[in-house]
N, C-alpha and C. Protein backbone atom coordinates (compact mmCIF):
# COMPACT_ATOMS: atom_id res chain seq x y z
N MET A 1 42.50 -8.48 -44.75
CA MET A 1 42.01 -7.13 -45.11
C MET A 1 40.59 -7.35 -45.77
N GLU A 2 39.75 -6.47 -45.32
CA GLU A 2 38.32 -6.51 -45.75
C GLU A 2 38.11 -6.07 -47.09
N SER A 3 37.38 -6.87 -47.98
CA SER A 3 37.17 -6.49 -49.35
C SER A 3 35.98 -5.43 -49.39
N ASP A 4 35.84 -4.82 -50.52
CA ASP A 4 34.84 -3.73 -50.68
C ASP A 4 33.43 -4.38 -50.54
N ALA A 5 33.19 -5.64 -50.94
CA ALA A 5 31.93 -6.28 -50.76
C ALA A 5 31.57 -6.59 -49.32
N MET A 6 32.62 -6.82 -48.56
CA MET A 6 32.40 -6.99 -47.07
C MET A 6 32.07 -5.79 -46.36
N ARG A 7 32.50 -4.56 -46.97
CA ARG A 7 32.26 -3.31 -46.22
C ARG A 7 31.02 -2.72 -46.90
N PHE A 8 30.32 -3.39 -47.72
CA PHE A 8 29.12 -2.83 -48.39
C PHE A 8 28.08 -2.28 -47.30
N ARG A 9 27.73 -1.14 -47.40
CA ARG A 9 26.62 -0.59 -46.70
C ARG A 9 25.66 0.12 -47.55
N PRO A 10 24.31 -0.26 -47.50
CA PRO A 10 23.31 0.41 -48.42
C PRO A 10 23.40 1.85 -48.08
N ASN A 11 23.32 2.65 -49.20
CA ASN A 11 23.42 4.10 -49.04
C ASN A 11 22.08 4.81 -49.16
N GLY A 12 20.96 4.07 -48.93
CA GLY A 12 19.61 4.78 -49.03
C GLY A 12 19.20 4.96 -50.38
N SER A 13 19.74 4.21 -51.34
CA SER A 13 19.25 4.27 -52.75
C SER A 13 17.87 3.80 -52.80
N ALA A 14 17.24 4.06 -53.98
CA ALA A 14 15.72 3.82 -54.05
C ALA A 14 15.42 2.27 -53.74
N GLY A 15 16.43 1.40 -54.05
CA GLY A 15 16.11 -0.08 -53.84
C GLY A 15 16.37 -0.53 -52.37
N VAL A 16 16.95 0.24 -51.52
CA VAL A 16 17.21 -0.14 -50.15
C VAL A 16 16.20 0.50 -49.22
N THR A 17 15.54 -0.56 -48.40
CA THR A 17 14.58 -0.07 -47.48
C THR A 17 15.02 -0.41 -46.10
N GLU A 18 15.06 0.52 -45.16
CA GLU A 18 15.40 0.12 -43.86
C GLU A 18 14.10 0.27 -42.82
N GLU A 19 13.91 -0.71 -42.10
CA GLU A 19 12.86 -0.70 -41.05
C GLU A 19 13.42 -1.29 -39.89
N MET A 20 12.70 -1.27 -38.82
CA MET A 20 13.20 -1.84 -37.60
C MET A 20 12.52 -3.30 -37.53
N SER A 21 13.46 -4.27 -37.10
CA SER A 21 13.04 -5.58 -36.94
C SER A 21 12.43 -5.76 -35.46
N GLY A 22 11.83 -6.86 -35.17
CA GLY A 22 11.15 -7.02 -33.88
C GLY A 22 12.14 -6.85 -32.71
N ASN A 23 13.36 -7.08 -32.91
CA ASN A 23 14.48 -6.90 -31.78
C ASN A 23 15.03 -5.50 -31.75
N GLY A 24 14.51 -4.52 -32.61
CA GLY A 24 15.00 -3.16 -32.58
C GLY A 24 16.13 -2.93 -33.46
N SER A 25 16.70 -3.96 -34.13
CA SER A 25 17.85 -3.76 -35.06
C SER A 25 17.28 -3.41 -36.48
N PRO A 26 18.00 -2.68 -37.23
CA PRO A 26 17.50 -2.28 -38.56
C PRO A 26 17.35 -3.53 -39.46
N LEU A 27 16.28 -3.62 -40.16
CA LEU A 27 16.07 -4.49 -41.14
C LEU A 27 16.25 -3.92 -42.52
N VAL A 28 17.27 -4.41 -43.25
CA VAL A 28 17.70 -3.77 -44.50
C VAL A 28 17.28 -4.77 -45.65
N LEU A 29 16.46 -4.15 -46.53
CA LEU A 29 16.03 -4.97 -47.69
C LEU A 29 16.80 -4.47 -48.95
N LEU A 30 17.45 -5.40 -49.69
CA LEU A 30 18.14 -4.97 -50.81
C LEU A 30 17.53 -5.33 -52.08
N SER A 31 17.70 -4.48 -53.11
CA SER A 31 17.15 -4.67 -54.38
C SER A 31 18.15 -5.56 -55.21
N PRO A 32 17.75 -6.02 -56.37
CA PRO A 32 18.64 -6.72 -57.18
C PRO A 32 19.90 -5.95 -57.61
N ASP A 33 19.77 -4.67 -57.71
CA ASP A 33 20.91 -3.80 -58.01
C ASP A 33 21.84 -3.72 -56.90
N ASP A 34 21.34 -3.64 -55.61
CA ASP A 34 22.13 -3.69 -54.47
C ASP A 34 22.93 -5.02 -54.32
N VAL A 35 22.27 -6.10 -54.58
CA VAL A 35 22.80 -7.47 -54.48
C VAL A 35 23.85 -7.62 -55.51
N ALA A 36 23.66 -7.15 -56.76
CA ALA A 36 24.68 -7.16 -57.76
C ALA A 36 25.90 -6.40 -57.33
N LYS A 37 25.81 -5.24 -56.76
CA LYS A 37 27.03 -4.51 -56.25
C LYS A 37 27.66 -5.34 -55.15
N TYR A 38 26.93 -5.80 -54.15
CA TYR A 38 27.47 -6.56 -53.13
C TYR A 38 28.16 -7.73 -53.59
N LEU A 39 27.70 -8.50 -54.53
CA LEU A 39 28.41 -9.66 -55.00
C LEU A 39 29.42 -9.39 -56.21
N ALA A 40 29.45 -8.14 -56.62
CA ALA A 40 30.40 -7.76 -57.67
C ALA A 40 30.06 -8.57 -59.00
N LYS A 41 28.75 -8.73 -59.28
CA LYS A 41 28.26 -9.45 -60.45
C LYS A 41 27.39 -8.49 -61.17
N PRO A 42 27.25 -8.69 -62.50
CA PRO A 42 26.34 -8.00 -63.38
C PRO A 42 24.92 -8.13 -62.95
N LYS A 43 24.16 -7.05 -63.12
CA LYS A 43 22.73 -7.22 -62.74
C LYS A 43 22.02 -8.22 -63.48
N SER A 44 22.54 -8.42 -64.76
CA SER A 44 21.87 -9.55 -65.58
C SER A 44 22.10 -10.96 -65.00
N TRP A 45 23.25 -11.09 -64.43
CA TRP A 45 23.55 -12.34 -63.76
C TRP A 45 22.63 -12.61 -62.56
N ILE A 46 22.32 -11.66 -61.82
CA ILE A 46 21.50 -11.72 -60.66
C ILE A 46 20.09 -12.16 -61.21
N TYR A 47 19.55 -11.44 -62.15
CA TYR A 47 18.26 -11.73 -62.70
C TYR A 47 18.13 -13.12 -63.27
N GLY A 48 19.25 -13.47 -63.95
CA GLY A 48 19.29 -14.66 -64.70
C GLY A 48 19.43 -15.97 -63.76
N ASN A 49 20.09 -15.73 -62.63
CA ASN A 49 20.45 -16.94 -61.77
C ASN A 49 19.92 -16.93 -60.35
N TRP A 50 19.16 -15.95 -59.97
CA TRP A 50 18.75 -15.95 -58.54
C TRP A 50 18.01 -17.12 -58.13
N ARG A 51 17.06 -17.66 -59.03
CA ARG A 51 16.38 -18.94 -58.58
C ARG A 51 17.34 -20.14 -58.58
N SER A 52 18.06 -20.37 -59.60
CA SER A 52 18.91 -21.49 -59.70
C SER A 52 20.17 -21.48 -58.68
N GLN A 53 20.50 -20.32 -58.30
CA GLN A 53 21.60 -20.25 -57.31
C GLN A 53 21.01 -20.18 -55.90
N GLY A 54 19.79 -19.98 -55.68
CA GLY A 54 19.14 -19.91 -54.45
C GLY A 54 19.32 -18.64 -53.69
N ILE A 55 19.65 -17.54 -54.43
CA ILE A 55 19.74 -16.22 -53.74
C ILE A 55 18.36 -15.88 -53.04
N PRO A 56 18.44 -15.60 -51.78
CA PRO A 56 17.18 -15.49 -51.01
C PRO A 56 16.31 -14.25 -51.22
N PHE A 57 15.88 -14.02 -52.47
CA PHE A 57 14.88 -13.03 -52.70
C PHE A 57 13.54 -13.37 -52.37
N LYS A 58 12.79 -12.38 -51.98
CA LYS A 58 11.32 -12.52 -51.77
C LYS A 58 10.66 -11.56 -52.67
N LYS A 59 9.48 -11.95 -53.20
CA LYS A 59 8.73 -10.93 -53.94
C LYS A 59 7.88 -10.04 -53.12
N VAL A 60 8.10 -8.79 -53.14
CA VAL A 60 7.36 -7.79 -52.41
C VAL A 60 6.57 -6.98 -53.51
N GLY A 61 5.33 -7.31 -53.68
CA GLY A 61 4.62 -6.76 -54.80
C GLY A 61 5.19 -7.37 -56.09
N ASN A 62 5.57 -6.44 -56.96
CA ASN A 62 6.27 -6.91 -58.26
C ASN A 62 7.70 -6.74 -58.08
N ALA A 63 8.32 -6.47 -57.00
CA ALA A 63 9.69 -6.23 -56.81
C ALA A 63 10.29 -7.36 -56.04
N LEU A 64 11.55 -7.64 -56.34
CA LEU A 64 12.35 -8.60 -55.60
C LEU A 64 13.20 -7.85 -54.54
N ARG A 65 13.20 -8.38 -53.34
CA ARG A 65 13.91 -7.83 -52.26
C ARG A 65 14.56 -8.88 -51.52
N CYS A 66 15.75 -8.61 -50.92
CA CYS A 66 16.44 -9.56 -50.18
C CYS A 66 16.84 -9.01 -48.86
N ARG A 67 16.84 -9.63 -47.63
CA ARG A 67 17.22 -9.25 -46.47
C ARG A 67 18.76 -9.32 -46.45
N GLN A 68 19.47 -8.36 -46.03
CA GLN A 68 20.89 -8.26 -46.00
C GLN A 68 21.56 -9.53 -45.15
N GLY A 69 20.87 -9.79 -44.09
CA GLY A 69 21.29 -10.94 -43.25
C GLY A 69 21.09 -12.28 -43.94
N ASP A 70 19.95 -12.43 -44.68
CA ASP A 70 19.74 -13.66 -45.47
C ASP A 70 20.84 -13.83 -46.53
N LEU A 71 21.13 -12.61 -47.17
CA LEU A 71 22.16 -12.71 -48.27
C LEU A 71 23.51 -13.13 -47.70
N ASN A 72 23.82 -12.58 -46.52
CA ASN A 72 25.13 -12.90 -45.90
C ASN A 72 25.16 -14.47 -45.44
N ASP A 73 23.97 -14.88 -45.00
CA ASP A 73 23.96 -16.40 -44.61
C ASP A 73 24.05 -17.16 -45.93
N TRP A 74 23.36 -16.86 -47.00
CA TRP A 74 23.49 -17.55 -48.22
C TRP A 74 24.99 -17.49 -48.68
N LEU A 75 25.63 -16.37 -48.62
CA LEU A 75 27.00 -16.26 -49.02
C LEU A 75 27.87 -17.13 -48.20
N ASP A 76 27.74 -17.17 -46.98
CA ASP A 76 28.51 -18.06 -46.05
C ASP A 76 28.41 -19.50 -46.47
N ARG A 77 27.24 -19.92 -47.08
CA ARG A 77 26.99 -21.39 -47.39
C ARG A 77 27.63 -21.76 -48.68
N GLN A 78 28.01 -20.76 -49.60
CA GLN A 78 28.65 -21.01 -50.84
C GLN A 78 29.90 -21.64 -50.70
N THR A 79 30.19 -22.68 -51.53
CA THR A 79 31.62 -23.44 -51.46
C THR A 79 32.53 -22.51 -52.34
N PRO A 80 33.80 -22.40 -51.99
CA PRO A 80 34.81 -21.72 -52.73
C PRO A 80 35.09 -22.34 -54.09
């Protein structure tokens, strides 16, 4: 059975940006709030641990953003 985190779909909140990638598929950028919801972790944990845990954020201006695909790849690499 699929968990809530696996069914996560960005809802167009202020932190989520959708654009088209070069191959025509949507490119979804997640904010730290979105990543916290996706991982079911407190936002404070995301901010406190993103560097040490290697969560694939990029700085976009002063904001942190993460591609949904990169986050899924990172999550797949985590050991249980």
